[in-house]
Amino acid sequence: MLFLYRSRGTPYTDAEVKNAFRTKAMEVHPDQNQDNRETAEEEFKEVVKSYEAIKLERKNNAS
């Protein structure tokens, strides 16, 4: 959902991941999409879930 690709040659930096999250979150945020709020809420939840999964994966790989 964040359009970060696992097949990329070099790993994404934490800043790149955070920037991708913020960009996508702003794009689909319900406050930015008043005309289609329900769909925006669902998309926003998916973006947050993707970001949390990436953070958890990075944390587990660092240990």
PDB file of N, CA and C in Angstrom:
ATOM      1  N   MET A   1       0.806  -1.195   0.000  1.00  0.00           N
ATOM      2  CA  MET A   1       0.000   0.000   0.000  1.00  0.00           C
ATOM      3  C   MET A   1       0.853   1.264   0.000  1.00  0.00           C
ATOM      4  N   LEU A   2       2.083   1.154   0.506  1.00  0.00           N
ATOM      5  CA  LEU A   2       2.955   2.321   0.524  1.00  0.00           C
ATOM      6  C   LEU A   2       3.813   2.407  -0.725  1.00  0.00           C
ATOM      7  N   PHE A   3       3.708   1.413  -1.593  1.00  0.00           N
ATOM      8  CA  PHE A   3       4.473   1.355  -2.833  1.00  0.00           C
ATOM      9  C   PHE A   3       5.979   1.325  -2.581  1.00  0.00           C
ATOM     10  N   LEU A   4       6.371   0.533  -1.603  1.00  0.00           N
ATOM     11  CA  LEU A   4       7.779   0.249  -1.345  1.00  0.00           C
ATOM     12  C   LEU A   4       8.010  -1.188  -1.793  1.00  0.00           C
ATOM     13  N   TYR A   5       9.013  -1.393  -2.610  1.00  0.00           N
ATOM     14  CA  TYR A   5       9.198  -2.688  -3.252  1.00  0.00           C
ATOM     15  C   TYR A   5      10.295  -3.502  -2.594  1.00  0.00           C
ATOM     16  N   ARG A   6       9.967  -4.739  -2.237  1.00  0.00           N
ATOM     17  CA  ARG A   6      10.936  -5.635  -1.609  1.00  0.00           C
ATOM     18  C   ARG A   6      12.077  -5.998  -2.549  1.00  0.00           C
ATOM     19  N   SER A   7      11.841  -5.960  -3.841  1.00  0.00           N
ATOM     20  CA  SER A   7      12.850  -6.376  -4.806  1.00  0.00           C
ATOM     21  C   SER A   7      13.869  -5.271  -5.108  1.00  0.00           C
ATOM     22  N   ARG A   8      13.755  -4.147  -4.459  1.00  0.00           N
ATOM     23  CA  ARG A   8      14.702  -3.051  -4.660  1.00  0.00           C
ATOM     24  C   ARG A   8      16.094  -3.507  -4.235  1.00  0.00           C
ATOM     25  N   GLY A   9      17.096  -3.097  -4.977  1.00  0.00           N
ATOM     26  CA  GLY A   9      18.470  -3.511  -4.728  1.00  0.00           C
ATOM     27  C   GLY A   9      19.002  -3.130  -3.363  1.00  0.00           C
ATOM     28  N   THR A  10      18.717  -1.911  -2.922  1.00  0.00           N
ATOM     29  CA  THR A  10      19.167  -1.465  -1.601  1.00  0.00           C
ATOM     30  C   THR A  10      17.953  -1.273  -0.705  1.00  0.00           C
ATOM     31  N   PRO A  11      18.109  -1.563   0.564  1.00  0.00           N
ATOM     32  CA  PRO A  11      16.974  -1.386   1.479  1.00  0.00           C
ATOM     33  C   PRO A  11      16.573   0.088   1.598  1.00  0.00           C
ATOM     34  N   TYR A  12      15.313   0.306   1.842  1.00  0.00           N
ATOM     35  CA  TYR A  12      14.832   1.663   2.072  1.00  0.00           C
ATOM     36  C   TYR A  12      15.334   2.143   3.425  1.00  0.00           C
ATOM     37  N   THR A  13      15.661   3.420   3.508  1.00  0.00           N
ATOM     38  CA  THR A  13      16.051   3.990   4.792  1.00  0.00           C
ATOM     39  C   THR A  13      14.797   4.237   5.618  1.00  0.00           C
ATOM     40  N   ASP A  14      14.984   4.418   6.912  1.00  0.00           N
ATOM     41  CA  ASP A  14      13.842   4.735   7.767  1.00  0.00           C
ATOM     42  C   ASP A  14      13.164   6.018   7.301  1.00  0.00           C
ATOM     43  N   ALA A  15      13.958   6.989   6.866  1.00  0.00           N
ATOM     44  CA  ALA A  15      13.399   8.256   6.385  1.00  0.00           C
ATOM     45  C   ALA A  15      12.559   8.049   5.130  1.00  0.00           C
ATOM     46  N   GLU A  16      12.994   7.182   4.223  1.00  0.00           N
ATOM     47  CA  GLU A  16      12.227   6.907   3.009  1.00  0.00           C
ATOM     48  C   GLU A  16      10.906   6.225   3.342  1.00  0.00           C
ATOM     49  N   VAL A  17      10.930   5.305   4.293  1.00  0.00           N
ATOM     50  CA  VAL A  17       9.708   4.613   4.701  1.00  0.00           C
ATOM     51  C   VAL A  17       8.741   5.609   5.331  1.00  0.00           C
ATOM     52  N   LYS A  18       9.259   6.441   6.222  1.00  0.00           N
ATOM     53  CA  LYS A  18       8.431   7.430   6.899  1.00  0.00           C
ATOM     54  C   LYS A  18       7.841   8.421   5.895  1.00  0.00           C
ATOM     55  N   ASN A  19       8.637   8.850   4.940  1.00  0.00           N
ATOM     56  CA  ASN A  19       8.161   9.785   3.920  1.00  0.00           C
ATOM     57  C   ASN A  19       7.072   9.149   3.057  1.00  0.00           C
ATOM     58  N   ALA A  20       7.263   7.892   2.675  1.00  0.00           N
ATOM     59  CA  ALA A  20       6.255   7.186   1.878  1.00  0.00           C
ATOM     60  C   ALA A  20       4.945   7.073   2.653  1.00  0.00           C
ATOM     61  N   PHE A  21       5.060   6.771   3.955  1.00  0.00           N
ATOM     62  CA  PHE A  21       3.873   6.679   4.796  1.00  0.00           C
ATOM     63  C   PHE A  21       3.149   8.019   4.869  1.00  0.00           C
ATOM     64  N   ARG A  22       3.886   9.070   5.168  1.00  0.00           N
ATOM     65  CA  ARG A  22       3.264  10.387   5.309  1.00  0.00           C
ATOM     66  C   ARG A  22       2.598  10.844   4.014  1.00  0.00           C
ATOM     67  N   THR A  23       3.273  10.616   2.906  1.00  0.00           N
ATOM     68  CA  THR A  23       2.724  11.019   1.612  1.00  0.00           C
ATOM     69  C   THR A  23       1.411  10.296   1.328  1.00  0.00           C
ATOM     70  N   LYS A  24       1.420   8.982   1.500  1.00  0.00           N
ATOM     71  CA  LYS A  24       0.214   8.191   1.225  1.00  0.00           C
ATOM     72  C   LYS A  24      -0.882   8.480   2.238  1.00  0.00           C
ATOM     73  N   ALA A  25      -0.510   8.666   3.503  1.00  0.00           N
ATOM     74  CA  ALA A  25      -1.498   8.950   4.546  1.00  0.00           C
ATOM     75  C   ALA A  25      -2.216  10.268   4.264  1.00  0.00           C
ATOM     76  N   MET A  26      -1.477  11.275   3.846  1.00  0.00           N
ATOM     77  CA  MET A  26      -2.098  12.561   3.524  1.00  0.00           C
ATOM     78  C   MET A  26      -3.021  12.436   2.312  1.00  0.00           C
ATOM     79  N   GLU A  27      -2.627  11.601   1.373  1.00  0.00           N
ATOM     80  CA  GLU A  27      -3.416  11.410   0.155  1.00  0.00           C
ATOM     81  C   GLU A  27      -4.767  10.766   0.447  1.00  0.00           C
ATOM     82  N   VAL A  28      -4.788   9.793   1.345  1.00  0.00           N
ATOM     83  CA  VAL A  28      -6.022   9.035   1.594  1.00  0.00           C
ATOM     84  C   VAL A  28      -6.722   9.408   2.902  1.00  0.00           C
ATOM     85  N   HIS A  29      -6.200  10.390   3.623  1.00  0.00           N
ATOM     86  CA  HIS A  29      -6.781  10.752   4.919  1.00  0.00           C
ATOM     87  C   HIS A  29      -8.244  11.173   4.752  1.00  0.00           C
ATOM     88  N   PRO A  30      -9.117  10.705   5.643  1.00  0.00           N
ATOM     89  CA  PRO A  30     -10.545  11.035   5.540  1.00  0.00           C
ATOM     90  C   PRO A  30     -10.829  12.542   5.528  1.00  0.00           C
ATOM     91  N   ASP A  31     -10.046  13.330   6.246  1.00  0.00           N
ATOM     92  CA  ASP A  31     -10.264  14.778   6.248  1.00  0.00           C
ATOM     93  C   ASP A  31      -9.975  15.403   4.887  1.00  0.00           C
ATOM     94  N   GLN A  32      -9.136  14.748   4.097  1.00  0.00           N
ATOM     95  CA  GLN A  32      -8.805  15.249   2.773  1.00  0.00           C
ATOM     96  C   GLN A  32      -9.796  14.756   1.711  1.00  0.00           C
ATOM     97  N   ASN A  33     -10.616  13.793   2.082  1.00  0.00           N
ATOM     98  CA  ASN A  33     -11.545  13.165   1.136  1.00  0.00           C
ATOM     99  C   ASN A  33     -12.962  13.166   1.699  1.00  0.00           C
ATOM    100  N   GLN A  34     -13.481  14.338   1.948  1.00  0.00           N
ATOM    101  CA  GLN A  34     -14.799  14.468   2.554  1.00  0.00           C
ATOM    102  C   GLN A  34     -15.920  13.871   1.698  1.00  0.00           C
ATOM    103  N   ASP A  35     -15.757  13.880   0.390  1.00  0.00           N
ATOM    104  CA  ASP A  35     -16.804  13.376  -0.492  1.00  0.00           C
ATOM    105  C   ASP A  35     -16.922  11.848  -0.468  1.00  0.00           C
ATOM    106  N   ASN A  36     -15.863  11.167  -0.077  1.00  0.00           N
ATOM    107  CA  ASN A  36     -15.878   9.712  -0.038  1.00  0.00           C
ATOM    108  C   ASN A  36     -15.201   9.247   1.255  1.00  0.00           C
ATOM    109  N   ARG A  37     -15.725   9.710   2.351  1.00  0.00           N
ATOM    110  CA  ARG A  37     -15.102   9.528   3.664  1.00  0.00           C
ATOM    111  C   ARG A  37     -14.953   8.058   4.078  1.00  0.00           C
ATOM    112  N   GLU A  38     -15.957   7.245   3.842  1.00  0.00           N
ATOM    113  CA  GLU A  38     -15.905   5.842   4.274  1.00  0.00           C
ATOM    114  C   GLU A  38     -14.783   5.083   3.569  1.00  0.00           C
ATOM    115  N   THR A  39     -14.664   5.261   2.274  1.00  0.00           N
ATOM    116  CA  THR A  39     -13.591   4.615   1.521  1.00  0.00           C
ATOM    117  C   THR A  39     -12.244   5.139   1.978  1.00  0.00           C
ATOM    118  N   ALA A  40     -12.158   6.423   2.208  1.00  0.00           N
ATOM    119  CA  ALA A  40     -10.915   7.033   2.665  1.00  0.00           C
ATOM    120  C   ALA A  40     -10.501   6.474   4.022  1.00  0.00           C
ATOM    121  N   GLU A  41     -11.451   6.266   4.915  1.00  0.00           N
ATOM    122  CA  GLU A  41     -11.142   5.707   6.227  1.00  0.00           C
ATOM    123  C   GLU A  41     -10.550   4.307   6.097  1.00  0.00           C
ATOM    124  N   GLU A  42     -11.137   3.492   5.232  1.00  0.00           N
ATOM    125  CA  GLU A  42     -10.642   2.136   5.024  1.00  0.00           C
ATOM    126  C   GLU A  42      -9.226   2.155   4.435  1.00  0.00           C
ATOM    127  N   GLU A  43      -9.013   3.014   3.443  1.00  0.00           N
ATOM    128  CA  GLU A  43      -7.695   3.119   2.823  1.00  0.00           C
ATOM    129  C   GLU A  43      -6.668   3.623   3.831  1.00  0.00           C
ATOM    130  N   PHE A  44      -7.063   4.580   4.657  1.00  0.00           N
ATOM    131  CA  PHE A  44      -6.159   5.117   5.670  1.00  0.00           C
ATOM    132  C   PHE A  44      -5.761   4.030   6.665  1.00  0.00           C
ATOM    133  N   LYS A  45      -6.713   3.221   7.077  1.00  0.00           N
ATOM    134  CA  LYS A  45      -6.422   2.123   8.000  1.00  0.00           C
ATOM    135  C   LYS A  45      -5.431   1.130   7.379  1.00  0.00           C
ATOM    136  N   GLU A  46      -5.581   0.859   6.084  1.00  0.00           N
ATOM    137  CA  GLU A  46      -4.659  -0.040   5.387  1.00  0.00           C
ATOM    138  C   GLU A  46      -3.251   0.543   5.315  1.00  0.00           C
ATOM    139  N   VAL A  47      -3.153   1.855   5.090  1.00  0.00           N
ATOM    140  CA  VAL A  47      -1.847   2.512   5.045  1.00  0.00           C
ATOM    141  C   VAL A  47      -1.172   2.413   6.408  1.00  0.00           C
ATOM    142  N   VAL A  48      -1.916   2.682   7.462  1.00  0.00           N
ATOM    143  CA  VAL A  48      -1.359   2.603   8.817  1.00  0.00           C
ATOM    144  C   VAL A  48      -0.937   1.172   9.120  1.00  0.00           C
ATOM    145  N   LYS A  49      -1.750   0.208   8.732  1.00  0.00           N
ATOM    146  CA  LYS A  49      -1.431  -1.205   8.970  1.00  0.00           C
ATOM    147  C   LYS A  49      -0.151  -1.600   8.228  1.00  0.00           C
ATOM    148  N   SER A  50       0.007  -1.125   7.010  1.00  0.00           N
ATOM    149  CA  SER A  50       1.219  -1.409   6.229  1.00  0.00           C
ATOM    150  C   SER A  50       2.448  -0.819   6.890  1.00  0.00           C
ATOM    151  N   TYR A  51       2.333   0.409   7.339  1.00  0.00           N
ATOM    152  CA  TYR A  51       3.450   1.085   7.993  1.00  0.00           C
ATOM    153  C   TYR A  51       3.841   0.362   9.276  1.00  0.00           C
ATOM    154  N   GLU A  52       2.867  -0.018  10.065  1.00  0.00           N
ATOM    155  CA  GLU A  52       3.135  -0.744  11.312  1.00  0.00           C
ATOM    156  C   GLU A  52       3.800  -2.092  11.027  1.00  0.00           C
ATOM    157  N   ALA A  53       3.379  -2.768   9.970  1.00  0.00           N
ATOM    158  CA  ALA A  53       3.971  -4.053   9.611  1.00  0.00           C
ATOM    159  C   ALA A  53       5.437  -3.881   9.210  1.00  0.00           C
ATOM    160  N   ILE A  54       5.728  -2.825   8.464  1.00  0.00           N
ATOM    161  CA  ILE A  54       7.112  -2.562   8.064  1.00  0.00           C
ATOM    162  C   ILE A  54       7.960  -2.256   9.292  1.00  0.00           C
ATOM    163  N   LYS A  55       7.445  -1.429  10.195  1.00  0.00           N
ATOM    164  CA  LYS A  55       8.199  -1.101  11.412  1.00  0.00           C
ATOM    165  C   LYS A  55       8.470  -2.349  12.254  1.00  0.00           C
ATOM    166  N   LEU A  56       7.473  -3.211  12.389  1.00  0.00           N
ATOM    167  CA  LEU A  56       7.629  -4.441  13.167  1.00  0.00           C
ATOM    168  C   LEU A  56       8.654  -5.366  12.522  1.00  0.00           C
ATOM    169  N   GLU A  57       8.593  -5.507  11.204  1.00  0.00           N
ATOM    170  CA  GLU A  57       9.534  -6.349  10.487  1.00  0.00           C
ATOM    171  C   GLU A  57      10.969  -5.844  10.673  1.00  0.00           C
ATOM    172  N   ARG A  58      11.156  -4.540  10.573  1.00  0.00           N
ATOM    173  CA  ARG A  58      12.487  -3.943  10.768  1.00  0.00           C
ATOM    174  C   ARG A  58      12.991  -4.164  12.186  1.00  0.00           C
ATOM    175  N   LYS A  59      12.095  -4.030  13.144  1.00  0.00           N
ATOM    176  CA  LYS A  59      12.464  -4.225  14.548  1.00  0.00           C
ATOM    177  C   LYS A  59      12.890  -5.674  14.778  1.00  0.00           C
ATOM    178  N   ASN A  60      12.121  -6.601  14.226  1.00  0.00           N
ATOM    179  CA  ASN A  60      12.434  -8.028  14.402  1.00  0.00           C
ATOM    180  C   ASN A  60      13.721  -8.421  13.701  1.00  0.00           C
ATOM    181  N   ASN A  61      14.012  -7.813  12.551  1.00  0.00           N
ATOM    182  CA  ASN A  61      15.242  -8.119  11.821  1.00  0.00           C
ATOM    183  C   ASN A  61      16.463  -7.494  12.485  1.00  0.00           C
ATOM    184  N   ALA A  62      16.266  -6.424  13.234  1.00  0.00           N
ATOM    185  CA  ALA A  62      17.381  -5.746  13.902  1.00  0.00           C
ATOM    186  C   ALA A  62      17.831  -6.519  15.141  1.00  0.00           C
ATOM    187  N   SER A  63      16.928  -7.294  15.701  1.00  0.00           N
ATOM    188  CA  SER A  63      17.240  -8.022  16.935  1.00  0.00           C
ATOM    189  C   SER A  63      18.093  -9.234  16.686  1.00  0.00           C
TER     190      SER A  63
END
